[in-house]
Amino acid sequence: MTTQAYFKDIRFHISAELKNAKHSIFVAVAWFTDSTLFNILCSKAKTGLTVQLIVMDDDITRNCTIDYSLLEKFGGKLYQINGDTGNLMHNKFCVIDDHIVITGSYNWSIKAQSNHENITITKE
């Protein structure tokens, strides 16, 4: 097993892992407003990979420019957690091909790129 923490270029590292996915991608993040990462998920869903995404259903999600319905159009699955109840999804994680886990404080959002965030990628 290998584990590596990243504090810089986080979007690059997430993108690289997503692009290498062969079978499945499962993502759960509160806010997902990064269209670059979303487009990778859609591209992978188009090729037949199992792609599932959980995000908050709140004003941030509703008002961003991503058309989340595209994921399902391309064969993926979208789950939205009701954000109006006061519940908050704190843990963020992604499981790729059942053996790579990405977790950390980084929401997959445009804003997160300028925050002091981190991820850890564990393989095997």
Protein backbone atom coordinates (compact mmCIF):
# COMPACT_ATOMS: atom_id res chain seq x y z
CA MET A 1 0.00 0.00 0.00
CA THR A 2 1.21 3.51 -0.80
CA THR A 3 -0.07 6.76 0.68
CA GLN A 4 0.86 10.23 -0.49
CA ALA A 5 -0.37 13.60 0.84
CA TYR A 6 -0.65 16.61 -1.47
CA PHE A 7 -0.91 20.27 -0.51
CA LYS A 8 -0.33 21.81 -3.96
CA ASP A 9 -1.57 21.13 -7.47
CA ILE A 10 -4.43 19.14 -6.00
CA ARG A 11 -6.66 19.38 -9.07
CA PHE A 12 -3.79 17.98 -11.17
CA HIS A 13 -3.41 14.94 -8.90
CA ILE A 14 -7.16 14.25 -8.80
CA SER A 15 -7.39 14.62 -12.59
CA ALA A 16 -4.53 12.18 -13.13
CA GLU A 17 -6.16 9.52 -10.97
CA LEU A 18 -9.57 9.99 -12.60
CA LYS A 19 -8.11 9.78 -16.10
CA ASN A 20 -6.44 6.46 -15.22
CA ALA A 21 -9.66 4.88 -13.92
CA LYS A 22 -10.52 1.62 -15.70
CA HIS A 23 -13.75 0.37 -14.08
CA SER A 24 -15.39 2.68 -11.55
CA ILE A 25 -15.33 6.08 -9.90
CA PHE A 26 -17.35 6.91 -6.79
CA VAL A 27 -17.19 10.51 -5.54
CA ALA A 28 -18.75 12.12 -2.47
CA VAL A 29 -17.98 15.81 -1.95
CA ALA A 30 -20.11 18.60 -0.52
CA TRP A 31 -19.43 21.05 -3.32
CA PHE A 32 -18.44 20.15 -6.84
CA THR A 33 -18.15 23.26 -9.02
CA ASP A 34 -14.98 22.38 -10.94
CA SER A 35 -16.08 21.82 -14.53
CA THR A 36 -12.69 20.34 -15.50
CA LEU A 37 -13.09 17.49 -13.00
CA PHE A 38 -16.77 17.12 -13.87
CA ASN A 39 -15.95 16.79 -17.57
CA ILE A 40 -13.52 13.97 -16.77
CA LEU A 41 -16.29 12.14 -14.88
CA CYS A 42 -18.66 12.60 -17.84
CA SER A 43 -16.01 11.39 -20.26
CA LYS A 44 -15.42 8.27 -18.17
CA ALA A 45 -19.16 7.60 -17.89
CA LYS A 46 -19.43 7.88 -21.69
CA THR A 47 -16.88 5.09 -22.07
CA GLY A 48 -18.93 2.77 -19.89
CA LEU A 49 -17.25 3.15 -16.50
CA THR A 50 -19.49 3.10 -13.44
CA VAL A 51 -19.48 6.72 -12.26
CA GLN A 52 -21.47 7.87 -9.25
CA LEU A 53 -21.42 11.31 -7.65
CA ILE A 54 -22.88 12.54 -4.36
CA VAL A 55 -23.09 16.32 -3.81
CA MET A 56 -25.03 18.70 -1.59
CA ASP A 57 -28.29 20.00 -3.03
CA ASP A 58 -27.91 23.59 -1.89
CA ASP A 59 -27.47 27.08 -3.32
CA ILE A 60 -23.81 26.50 -4.21
CA THR A 61 -24.70 23.45 -6.29
CA ARG A 62 -27.87 24.95 -7.75
CA ASN A 63 -26.16 28.18 -8.79
CA CYS A 64 -22.95 26.85 -10.32
CA THR A 65 -22.48 26.52 -14.07
CA ILE A 66 -22.26 22.71 -14.13
CA ASP A 67 -25.17 20.87 -15.72
CA TYR A 68 -25.20 17.86 -13.41
CA SER A 69 -27.83 16.11 -15.57
CA LEU A 70 -25.11 15.49 -18.15
CA LEU A 71 -23.55 12.86 -15.91
CA GLU A 72 -26.72 10.79 -16.01
CA LYS A 73 -27.15 11.48 -19.74
CA PHE A 74 -23.76 9.82 -20.25
CA GLY A 75 -24.58 6.82 -18.06
CA GLY A 76 -23.42 8.00 -14.63
CA LYS A 77 -25.51 8.44 -11.50
CA LEU A 78 -26.02 11.62 -9.46
CA TYR A 79 -27.22 11.73 -5.85
CA GLN A 80 -28.00 15.03 -4.17
CA ILE A 81 -28.21 15.39 -0.41
CA ASN A 82 -30.75 17.94 0.80
CA GLY A 83 -28.75 20.89 2.07
CA ASP A 84 -31.80 22.76 3.38
CA THR A 85 -32.06 20.53 6.46
CA GLY A 86 -28.92 21.96 8.05
CA ASN A 87 -27.00 18.74 7.42
CA LEU A 88 -23.53 19.12 6.00
CA MET A 89 -21.36 16.59 4.25
CA HIS A 90 -17.98 17.08 5.89
CA ASN A 91 -15.95 14.10 4.66
CA LYS A 92 -14.88 14.19 1.03
CA PHE A 93 -13.75 11.05 -0.71
CA CYS A 94 -13.37 9.29 -4.02
CA VAL A 95 -12.88 5.56 -4.65
CA ILE A 96 -11.42 4.56 -8.01
CA ASP A 97 -11.41 0.98 -9.30
CA ASP A 98 -11.97 -0.34 -5.76
CA HIS A 99 -8.31 0.20 -4.81
CA ILE A 100 -7.52 3.92 -4.91
CA VAL A 101 -8.93 6.29 -2.29
CA ILE A 102 -8.69 10.06 -2.45
CA THR A 103 -9.71 11.89 0.71
CA GLY A 104 -8.97 15.19 2.43
CA SER A 105 -10.27 18.69 3.01
CA TYR A 106 -10.42 19.58 -0.70
CA ASN A 107 -13.93 20.04 -2.12
CA TRP A 108 -13.90 19.63 -5.86
CA SER A 109 -14.69 23.29 -6.38
CA ILE A 110 -13.16 26.30 -8.05
CA LYS A 111 -12.88 28.05 -4.68
CA ALA A 112 -10.94 25.16 -3.14
CA GLN A 113 -8.07 25.76 -5.55
CA SER A 114 -7.19 28.97 -3.70
CA ASN A 115 -7.80 27.66 -0.17
CA HIS A 116 -5.23 25.91 2.00
CA GLU A 117 -6.54 22.41 1.35
CA ASN A 118 -5.08 18.92 1.09
CA ILE A 119 -5.74 15.43 -0.19
CA THR A 120 -4.30 12.04 0.55
CA ILE A 121 -4.18 9.36 -2.13
CA THR A 122 -3.92 5.77 -0.93
CA LYS A 123 -3.39 2.98 -3.45
CA GLU A 124 -3.95 -0.77 -2.94
